[in-house]
């Protein structure tokens, strides 16, 4: 299987919107229990996107890269309106898994760092497995059924 060259880097960027804040991701009755800063989940999603972009040239039709493991430290808060940039650097393989060092930063510096592993998989097999685990067959269910 082809793979990126070591140290290949990709980035993903956002301007933090209200919908990216921790308080916006909480259920309505719990929003006051979470701060109005970038949610860790949103930072992780941005890091995953950067990692996926490294692999995109190596994904064949009918395949996608998927996250397998992630270890992240969210080290600093970021307010709404700030620019955030996630960077993923390919550092090697572990069998079929692609290994990345990931980091995120805003105008004040680093806000998160960690490691991430991704795999390239068949979309049909992945979706069929997900459906069968939940008692549905892929493509035959409607939302709410």
N, C-alpha and C. Protein backbone atom coordinates (compact mmCIF):
# COMPACT_ATOMS: atom_id res chain seq x y z
N UNK A 1 0.84 -1.18 0.00
CA UNK A 1 0.00 0.00 0.00
C UNK A 1 0.89 1.24 0.00
N UNK A 2 0.54 2.18 -0.84
CA UNK A 2 1.26 3.45 -0.86
C UNK A 2 0.96 4.21 0.43
N UNK A 3 1.87 5.07 0.80
CA UNK A 3 1.66 5.85 2.01
C UNK A 3 2.37 7.19 1.87
N UNK A 4 1.99 8.15 2.70
CA UNK A 4 2.66 9.46 2.64
C UNK A 4 4.12 9.33 3.03
N UNK A 5 4.91 10.27 2.58
CA UNK A 5 6.30 10.34 3.03
C UNK A 5 6.31 10.75 4.51
N UNK A 6 7.28 10.24 5.24
CA UNK A 6 7.41 10.65 6.64
C UNK A 6 7.47 12.17 6.73
N UNK A 7 6.85 12.70 7.76
CA UNK A 7 6.80 14.13 8.04
C UNK A 7 5.89 14.92 7.10
N UNK A 8 5.07 14.23 6.28
CA UNK A 8 4.06 14.93 5.50
C UNK A 8 3.08 15.59 6.46
N UNK A 9 2.74 16.84 6.17
CA UNK A 9 1.89 17.64 7.06
C UNK A 9 0.66 18.13 6.31
N UNK A 10 -0.46 18.19 7.02
CA UNK A 10 -1.67 18.83 6.51
C UNK A 10 -2.28 19.62 7.65
N UNK A 11 -3.09 20.61 7.29
CA UNK A 11 -3.72 21.46 8.29
C UNK A 11 -5.22 21.55 8.06
N UNK A 12 -5.92 21.95 9.09
CA UNK A 12 -7.35 22.27 9.01
C UNK A 12 -7.55 23.49 9.91
N UNK A 13 -8.35 24.43 9.46
CA UNK A 13 -8.53 25.68 10.19
C UNK A 13 -10.00 26.04 10.32
N UNK A 14 -10.32 26.69 11.43
CA UNK A 14 -11.66 27.25 11.62
C UNK A 14 -11.54 28.58 12.34
N UNK A 15 -12.59 29.37 12.22
CA UNK A 15 -12.84 30.49 13.12
C UNK A 15 -13.89 29.96 14.09
N UNK A 16 -13.59 29.99 15.37
CA UNK A 16 -14.48 29.39 16.37
C UNK A 16 -15.83 30.11 16.36
N UNK A 17 -16.87 29.35 16.03
CA UNK A 17 -18.25 29.84 16.02
C UNK A 17 -18.94 29.45 17.33
N UNK A 18 -20.09 30.05 17.58
CA UNK A 18 -20.85 29.70 18.78
C UNK A 18 -21.13 28.20 18.83
N UNK A 19 -21.38 27.59 17.68
CA UNK A 19 -21.69 26.15 17.64
C UNK A 19 -20.48 25.28 17.98
N UNK A 20 -19.28 25.85 18.00
CA UNK A 20 -18.05 25.12 18.35
C UNK A 20 -17.75 25.15 19.85
N UNK A 21 -18.53 25.91 20.60
CA UNK A 21 -18.27 26.09 22.03
C UNK A 21 -18.79 24.93 22.85
N UNK A 22 -18.11 24.66 23.95
CA UNK A 22 -18.52 23.57 24.84
C UNK A 22 -19.96 23.75 25.31
N UNK A 23 -20.35 24.97 25.63
CA UNK A 23 -21.71 25.21 26.11
C UNK A 23 -22.75 24.93 25.04
N UNK A 24 -22.40 25.06 23.77
CA UNK A 24 -23.35 24.79 22.68
C UNK A 24 -23.51 23.30 22.41
N UNK A 25 -22.54 22.49 22.82
CA UNK A 25 -22.61 21.05 22.57
C UNK A 25 -23.35 20.32 23.69
N UNK A 26 -23.59 20.98 24.78
CA UNK A 26 -24.30 20.36 25.90
C UNK A 26 -25.80 20.38 25.64
N UNK A 27 -26.54 19.47 26.26
CA UNK A 27 -28.00 19.52 26.16
C UNK A 27 -28.50 20.88 26.67
N UNK A 28 -29.60 21.38 26.12
CA UNK A 28 -30.07 22.72 26.51
C UNK A 28 -30.17 22.94 28.02
N UNK A 29 -30.61 21.95 28.76
CA UNK A 29 -30.77 22.13 30.21
C UNK A 29 -29.44 22.13 30.97
N UNK A 30 -28.33 21.85 30.29
CA UNK A 30 -27.02 21.82 30.95
C UNK A 30 -26.03 22.83 30.38
N UNK A 31 -26.48 23.70 29.51
CA UNK A 31 -25.55 24.62 28.83
C UNK A 31 -24.81 25.53 29.80
N UNK A 32 -25.43 25.88 30.90
CA UNK A 32 -24.74 26.76 31.85
C UNK A 32 -23.65 26.02 32.63
N UNK A 33 -23.61 24.69 32.52
CA UNK A 33 -22.60 23.90 33.22
C UNK A 33 -21.30 23.78 32.42
N UNK A 34 -21.29 24.31 31.21
CA UNK A 34 -20.11 24.22 30.34
C UNK A 34 -19.69 25.62 29.92
N UNK A 35 -18.39 25.85 29.77
CA UNK A 35 -17.89 27.20 29.46
C UNK A 35 -18.08 27.58 27.99
N UNK A 36 -18.05 28.87 27.75
CA UNK A 36 -18.16 29.41 26.39
C UNK A 36 -16.77 29.50 25.76
N UNK A 37 -16.12 28.33 25.62
CA UNK A 37 -14.81 28.21 24.97
C UNK A 37 -14.86 27.03 24.01
N UNK A 38 -13.88 26.95 23.12
CA UNK A 38 -13.82 25.86 22.15
C UNK A 38 -13.94 24.51 22.85
N UNK A 39 -14.87 23.69 22.39
CA UNK A 39 -15.07 22.36 22.95
C UNK A 39 -13.92 21.45 22.56
N UNK A 40 -13.52 20.61 23.49
CA UNK A 40 -12.48 19.63 23.20
C UNK A 40 -12.89 18.76 22.01
N UNK A 41 -14.16 18.37 21.96
CA UNK A 41 -14.64 17.53 20.85
C UNK A 41 -14.43 18.22 19.50
N UNK A 42 -14.63 19.52 19.44
CA UNK A 42 -14.45 20.25 18.18
C UNK A 42 -12.97 20.35 17.82
N UNK A 43 -12.12 20.54 18.82
CA UNK A 43 -10.68 20.58 18.57
C UNK A 43 -10.21 19.23 18.04
N UNK A 44 -10.68 18.14 18.65
CA UNK A 44 -10.31 16.79 18.21
C UNK A 44 -10.79 16.56 16.78
N UNK A 45 -12.00 16.99 16.45
CA UNK A 45 -12.52 16.82 15.09
C UNK A 45 -11.63 17.55 14.08
N UNK A 46 -11.15 18.72 14.44
CA UNK A 46 -10.27 19.47 13.55
C UNK A 46 -8.93 18.75 13.37
N UNK A 47 -8.42 18.16 14.43
CA UNK A 47 -7.18 17.39 14.35
C UNK A 47 -7.37 16.15 13.47
N UNK A 48 -8.53 15.50 13.60
CA UNK A 48 -8.83 14.34 12.75
C UNK A 48 -8.89 14.75 11.29
N UNK A 49 -9.52 15.88 11.02
CA UNK A 49 -9.63 16.37 9.64
C UNK A 49 -8.25 16.62 9.04
N UNK A 50 -7.37 17.23 9.79
CA UNK A 50 -6.01 17.46 9.29
C UNK A 50 -5.32 16.14 8.98
N UNK A 51 -5.49 15.15 9.85
CA UNK A 51 -4.88 13.83 9.63
C UNK A 51 -5.46 13.16 8.39
N UNK A 52 -6.76 13.24 8.22
CA UNK A 52 -7.41 12.65 7.05
C UNK A 52 -6.90 13.29 5.76
N UNK A 53 -6.62 14.57 5.81
CA UNK A 53 -6.11 15.27 4.62
C UNK A 53 -4.73 14.75 4.20
N UNK A 54 -3.92 14.31 5.15
CA UNK A 54 -2.63 13.72 4.80
C UNK A 54 -2.84 12.45 3.98
N UNK A 55 -3.85 11.66 4.35
CA UNK A 55 -4.08 10.37 3.68
C UNK A 55 -4.91 10.47 2.41
N UNK A 56 -5.60 11.57 2.20
CA UNK A 56 -6.53 11.68 1.07
C UNK A 56 -5.94 11.26 -0.27
N UNK A 57 -4.71 11.61 -0.63
CA UNK A 57 -4.17 11.18 -1.93
C UNK A 57 -3.96 9.67 -2.05
N UNK A 58 -4.05 8.94 -0.94
CA UNK A 58 -3.78 7.50 -0.94
C UNK A 58 -5.05 6.66 -0.78
N UNK A 59 -6.19 7.33 -0.73
CA UNK A 59 -7.48 6.65 -0.58
C UNK A 59 -8.06 6.40 -1.96
N UNK A 60 -8.38 5.13 -2.24
CA UNK A 60 -8.96 4.76 -3.53
C UNK A 60 -10.47 4.94 -3.51
N UNK A 61 -11.12 4.97 -4.69
CA UNK A 61 -12.58 5.04 -4.72
C UNK A 61 -13.18 3.90 -3.90
N UNK A 62 -14.20 4.21 -3.12
CA UNK A 62 -14.85 3.21 -2.27
C UNK A 62 -14.19 3.05 -0.92
N UNK A 63 -13.14 3.83 -0.66
CA UNK A 63 -12.44 3.77 0.62
C UNK A 63 -12.50 5.14 1.30
N UNK A 64 -12.28 5.12 2.60
CA UNK A 64 -12.10 6.34 3.38
C UNK A 64 -11.12 6.05 4.50
N UNK A 65 -10.52 7.09 5.02
CA UNK A 65 -9.72 6.89 6.22
C UNK A 65 -10.60 7.18 7.43
N UNK A 66 -10.40 6.38 8.47
CA UNK A 66 -11.20 6.53 9.69
C UNK A 66 -10.28 6.57 10.90
N UNK A 67 -10.70 7.30 11.90
CA UNK A 67 -9.95 7.36 13.13
C UNK A 67 -10.10 6.07 13.91
N UNK A 68 -8.99 5.60 14.49
CA UNK A 68 -8.99 4.37 15.28
C UNK A 68 -8.70 4.68 16.75
N UNK A 69 -7.66 5.45 17.01
CA UNK A 69 -7.36 5.88 18.37
C UNK A 69 -6.90 7.33 18.35
N UNK A 70 -7.11 7.98 19.48
CA UNK A 70 -6.63 9.35 19.62
C UNK A 70 -6.32 9.59 21.10
N UNK A 71 -5.19 10.20 21.35
CA UNK A 71 -4.82 10.64 22.69
C UNK A 71 -4.50 12.12 22.59
N UNK A 72 -5.26 12.93 23.34
CA UNK A 72 -5.15 14.37 23.20
C UNK A 72 -5.16 15.05 24.56
N UNK A 73 -4.35 16.07 24.68
CA UNK A 73 -4.41 16.99 25.81
C UNK A 73 -4.93 18.32 25.29
N UNK A 74 -5.98 18.83 25.91
CA UNK A 74 -6.51 20.16 25.58
C UNK A 74 -5.90 21.10 26.62
N UNK A 75 -4.92 21.89 26.21
CA UNK A 75 -4.06 22.59 27.16
C UNK A 75 -4.40 24.05 27.42
N UNK A 76 -5.26 24.66 26.60
CA UNK A 76 -5.59 26.07 26.80
C UNK A 76 -6.95 26.38 26.18
N UNK A 77 -7.70 27.33 26.77
CA UNK A 77 -9.02 27.69 26.24
C UNK A 77 -8.92 28.66 25.06
N UNK A 78 -9.93 28.59 24.20
CA UNK A 78 -10.02 29.47 23.04
C UNK A 78 -11.43 30.04 22.96
N UNK A 79 -11.59 31.37 22.84
CA UNK A 79 -12.92 31.97 22.79
C UNK A 79 -13.52 31.94 21.38
N UNK A 80 -14.81 32.22 21.32
CA UNK A 80 -15.49 32.38 20.03
C UNK A 80 -14.81 33.51 19.26
N UNK A 81 -14.74 33.37 17.95
CA UNK A 81 -14.16 34.38 17.09
C UNK A 81 -12.68 34.21 16.82
N UNK A 82 -12.01 33.35 17.59
CA UNK A 82 -10.57 33.14 17.39
C UNK A 82 -10.33 32.14 16.26
N UNK A 83 -9.22 32.30 15.57
CA UNK A 83 -8.82 31.35 14.54
C UNK A 83 -8.07 30.20 15.21
N UNK A 84 -8.39 28.97 14.79
CA UNK A 84 -7.71 27.77 15.30
C UNK A 84 -7.18 26.99 14.11
N UNK A 85 -5.97 26.52 14.24
CA UNK A 85 -5.31 25.75 13.19
C UNK A 85 -4.84 24.43 13.79
N UNK A 86 -5.29 23.32 13.20
CA UNK A 86 -4.82 22.00 13.60
C UNK A 86 -3.83 21.51 12.56
N UNK A 87 -2.77 20.89 13.02
CA UNK A 87 -1.73 20.35 12.16
C UNK A 87 -1.53 18.88 12.47
N UNK A 88 -1.45 18.07 11.43
CA UNK A 88 -1.17 16.64 11.59
C UNK A 88 0.10 16.32 10.80
N UNK A 89 1.00 15.59 11.44
CA UNK A 89 2.26 15.19 10.81
C UNK A 89 2.35 13.67 10.82
N UNK A 90 2.50 13.08 9.62
CA UNK A 90 2.62 11.63 9.49
C UNK A 90 3.98 11.19 10.03
N UNK A 91 3.95 10.24 10.99
CA UNK A 91 5.21 9.82 11.62
C UNK A 91 5.51 8.34 11.42
N UNK A 92 4.64 7.61 10.70
CA UNK A 92 4.95 6.21 10.43
C UNK A 92 3.73 5.32 10.44
N UNK A 93 4.01 4.00 10.45
CA UNK A 93 2.95 2.99 10.41
C UNK A 93 3.09 2.04 11.59
N UNK A 94 1.98 1.47 11.97
CA UNK A 94 1.92 0.38 12.95
C UNK A 94 1.01 -0.66 12.30
N UNK A 95 1.60 -1.56 11.49
CA UNK A 95 0.80 -2.50 10.72
C UNK A 95 -0.03 -1.74 9.69
N UNK A 96 -1.35 -1.89 9.77
CA UNK A 96 -2.25 -1.20 8.83
C UNK A 96 -2.60 0.21 9.27
N UNK A 97 -2.15 0.59 10.44
CA UNK A 97 -2.51 1.91 10.98
C UNK A 97 -1.48 2.96 10.61
N UNK A 98 -1.97 4.16 10.32
CA UNK A 98 -1.15 5.32 10.00
C UNK A 98 -1.05 6.17 11.26
N UNK A 99 0.16 6.56 11.64
CA UNK A 99 0.39 7.26 12.90
C UNK A 99 0.66 8.74 12.66
N UNK A 100 0.07 9.57 13.51
CA UNK A 100 0.20 11.03 13.38
C UNK A 100 0.53 11.68 14.71
N UNK A 101 1.34 12.72 14.66
CA UNK A 101 1.46 13.66 15.77
C UNK A 101 0.55 14.82 15.41
N UNK A 102 -0.27 15.24 16.35
CA UNK A 102 -1.26 16.28 16.08
C UNK A 102 -1.10 17.40 17.09
N UNK A 103 -1.44 18.60 16.64
CA UNK A 103 -1.42 19.76 17.53
C UNK A 103 -2.43 20.78 17.04
N UNK A 104 -2.87 21.63 17.94
CA UNK A 104 -3.77 22.72 17.58
C UNK A 104 -3.26 23.98 18.25
N UNK A 105 -3.46 25.10 17.58
CA UNK A 105 -3.03 26.38 18.14
C UNK A 105 -3.99 27.48 17.74
N UNK A 106 -4.03 28.51 18.57
CA UNK A 106 -4.76 29.72 18.25
C UNK A 106 -3.76 30.88 18.28
N UNK A 107 -4.24 32.10 18.26
CA UNK A 107 -3.34 33.25 18.24
C UNK A 107 -2.44 33.36 19.46
N UNK A 108 -2.81 32.70 20.54
CA UNK A 108 -2.01 32.74 21.75
C UNK A 108 -1.00 31.61 21.87
N UNK A 109 -1.00 30.69 20.90
CA UNK A 109 -0.07 29.56 20.93
C UNK A 109 -0.79 28.23 20.95
N UNK A 110 -0.10 27.23 21.44
CA UNK A 110 -0.64 25.85 21.44
C UNK A 110 -1.84 25.73 22.38
N UNK A 111 -2.88 25.04 21.90
CA UNK A 111 -4.05 24.77 22.73
C UNK A 111 -4.28 23.27 22.92
N UNK A 112 -3.60 22.46 22.11
CA UNK A 112 -3.77 21.02 22.24
C UNK A 112 -2.68 20.27 21.50
N UNK A 113 -2.46 19.02 21.95
CA UNK A 113 -1.45 18.18 21.29
C UNK A 113 -1.77 16.73 21.59
N UNK A 114 -1.24 15.84 20.74
CA UNK A 114 -1.45 14.43 21.00
C UNK A 114 -0.99 13.55 19.85
N UNK A 115 -1.52 12.34 19.85
CA UNK A 115 -1.22 11.36 18.80
C UNK A 115 -2.53 10.78 18.29
N UNK A 116 -2.49 10.31 17.06
CA UNK A 116 -3.70 9.81 16.40
C UNK A 116 -3.31 8.67 15.46
N UNK A 117 -4.18 7.65 15.39
CA UNK A 117 -3.99 6.55 14.45
C UNK A 117 -5.22 6.46 13.57
N UNK A 118 -4.98 6.25 12.26
CA UNK A 118 -6.07 6.11 11.29
C UNK A 118 -5.84 4.85 10.46
N UNK A 119 -6.93 4.34 9.91
CA UNK A 119 -6.89 3.21 8.99
C UNK A 119 -7.62 3.59 7.72
N UNK A 120 -7.24 2.98 6.61
CA UNK A 120 -7.99 3.13 5.36
C UNK A 120 -8.86 1.89 5.22
N UNK A 121 -10.17 2.11 5.07
CA UNK A 121 -11.13 1.01 5.06
C UNK A 121 -12.10 1.14 3.90
N UNK A 122 -12.78 0.02 3.59
CA UNK A 122 -13.86 0.01 2.61
C UNK A 122 -15.08 0.68 3.24
N UNK A 123 -15.64 1.68 2.55
CA UNK A 123 -16.82 2.38 3.06
C UNK A 123 -17.99 1.42 3.20
N UNK A 124 -18.23 0.57 2.19
CA UNK A 124 -19.35 -0.38 2.26
C UNK A 124 -19.22 -1.31 3.45
N UNK A 125 -18.05 -1.88 3.64
CA UNK A 125 -17.85 -2.80 4.78
C UNK A 125 -18.06 -2.08 6.10
N UNK A 126 -17.55 -0.87 6.21
CA UNK A 126 -17.70 -0.09 7.43
C UNK A 126 -19.17 0.20 7.72
N UNK A 127 -19.89 0.68 6.71
CA UNK A 127 -21.30 1.04 6.91
C UNK A 127 -22.16 -0.19 7.15
N UNK A 128 -21.87 -1.30 6.46
CA UNK A 128 -22.62 -2.54 6.70
C UNK A 128 -22.38 -3.06 8.11
N UNK A 129 -21.15 -2.99 8.56
CA UNK A 129 -20.85 -3.44 9.92
C UNK A 129 -21.57 -2.57 10.95
N UNK A 130 -21.55 -1.26 10.73
CA UNK A 130 -22.24 -0.35 11.66
C UNK A 130 -23.74 -0.65 11.70
N UNK A 131 -24.32 -0.87 10.52
CA UNK A 131 -25.76 -1.17 10.47
C UNK A 131 -26.08 -2.50 11.13
N UNK A 132 -25.28 -3.53 10.87
CA UNK A 132 -25.57 -4.85 11.43
C UNK A 132 -25.39 -4.86 12.95
N UNK A 133 -24.50 -4.06 13.47
CA UNK A 133 -24.32 -3.97 14.92
C UNK A 133 -25.55 -3.37 15.59
N UNK A 134 -26.33 -2.63 14.84
CA UNK A 134 -27.49 -1.94 15.40
C UNK A 134 -28.81 -2.45 14.85
N UNK A 135 -28.80 -3.66 14.29
CA UNK A 135 -30.03 -4.30 13.86
C UNK A 135 -30.65 -3.76 12.59
N UNK A 136 -29.89 -3.07 11.78
CA UNK A 136 -30.40 -2.56 10.50
C UNK A 136 -29.47 -3.02 9.40
N UNK A 137 -29.98 -3.02 8.18
CA UNK A 137 -29.10 -3.30 7.05
C UNK A 137 -28.82 -1.99 6.35
N UNK A 138 -27.58 -1.81 5.94
CA UNK A 138 -27.13 -0.56 5.32
C UNK A 138 -28.02 -0.18 4.15
N UNK A 139 -28.46 1.08 4.14
CA UNK A 139 -29.23 1.60 3.03
C UNK A 139 -30.72 1.30 3.10
N UNK A 140 -31.16 0.51 4.07
CA UNK A 140 -32.57 0.13 4.13
C UNK A 140 -33.33 0.78 5.28
N UNK A 141 -32.70 1.62 6.04
CA UNK A 141 -33.40 2.23 7.16
C UNK A 141 -33.55 3.72 6.95
N UNK A 142 -34.56 4.27 7.57
CA UNK A 142 -34.82 5.69 7.52
C UNK A 142 -34.54 6.27 8.90
N UNK A 143 -34.17 7.52 8.97
CA UNK A 143 -33.97 8.13 10.29
C UNK A 143 -35.22 7.97 11.14
N UNK A 144 -35.03 7.60 12.38
CA UNK A 144 -36.16 7.45 13.29
C UNK A 144 -36.79 6.08 13.27
N UNK A 145 -36.37 5.20 12.35
CA UNK A 145 -36.95 3.86 12.30
C UNK A 145 -36.29 2.96 13.30
